[in-house]
Each structure stands twice: as structure tokens, then as C-alpha cells.
Amino acid sequence: MVRAFLKHCEEAVDDEELQEIHRDLYDFMLALGPALASRDDAAYLKQAKKKLSKLRKATELFVAIQPEVSGHTNFQMAARSLQTAVDQIVVLVRG
């Protein structure tokens, strides 16, 4: 949901960093698709581990720039939601 929000928000039209974050989130999801479709848990976790660094960097960037981009509640909740989701992914992948 955060990816879709960032993709369609007006602020992202002229903000290269927001566009990059959106692309990085999409890249993570796209990379996991084949393993998810084939129900290959080992391949899914392997790919998630491989892409985790990029996902974390995108999350850190969004959390850092979010106040500058917009103080609107939607942006605050998107940053919090993304951070929480990525924290949980880290626990699952490294668990």
C-alpha cells in the first residue's frame, strides 16, 4: 500500500527521491514474485535476503525525507507503516 501511495501522490511527480523509493519497493516485490508463485519457501527467503539491503536503504531514505516532503498524516502513517513492515521482514529473514 505504501508503494501505491508513493506512486500516485502529487509530491512524487517532481521528487526523484520519492520515485526512487517507489521503484526500490517495487523491485523488492517483483523479485519475490516467482518464488511466491511457485510456493518455493527457500527461494523466497533467499531472494528476500538478497534484496533486503536495498529495501532497508529505501525505507531509511523515506523515513528521513518524509518530514521535508510533507507533514500530512498520510505521509507520516506511510513512513511508520513501511518502517514497521520492514522491521518485521528483517526479523523473518534473519530469524
Foldseek 3Di string as FASTA:
>chain_A
DLLVCLVPDPLNPPDPLSVLLSVLVVVLVVQLVVCVVVVPPVSNLVSCVVSLVSLVVSLVVLLVCLVVSDPDPVSVVSSVVSVVVSVVSCVVSVD
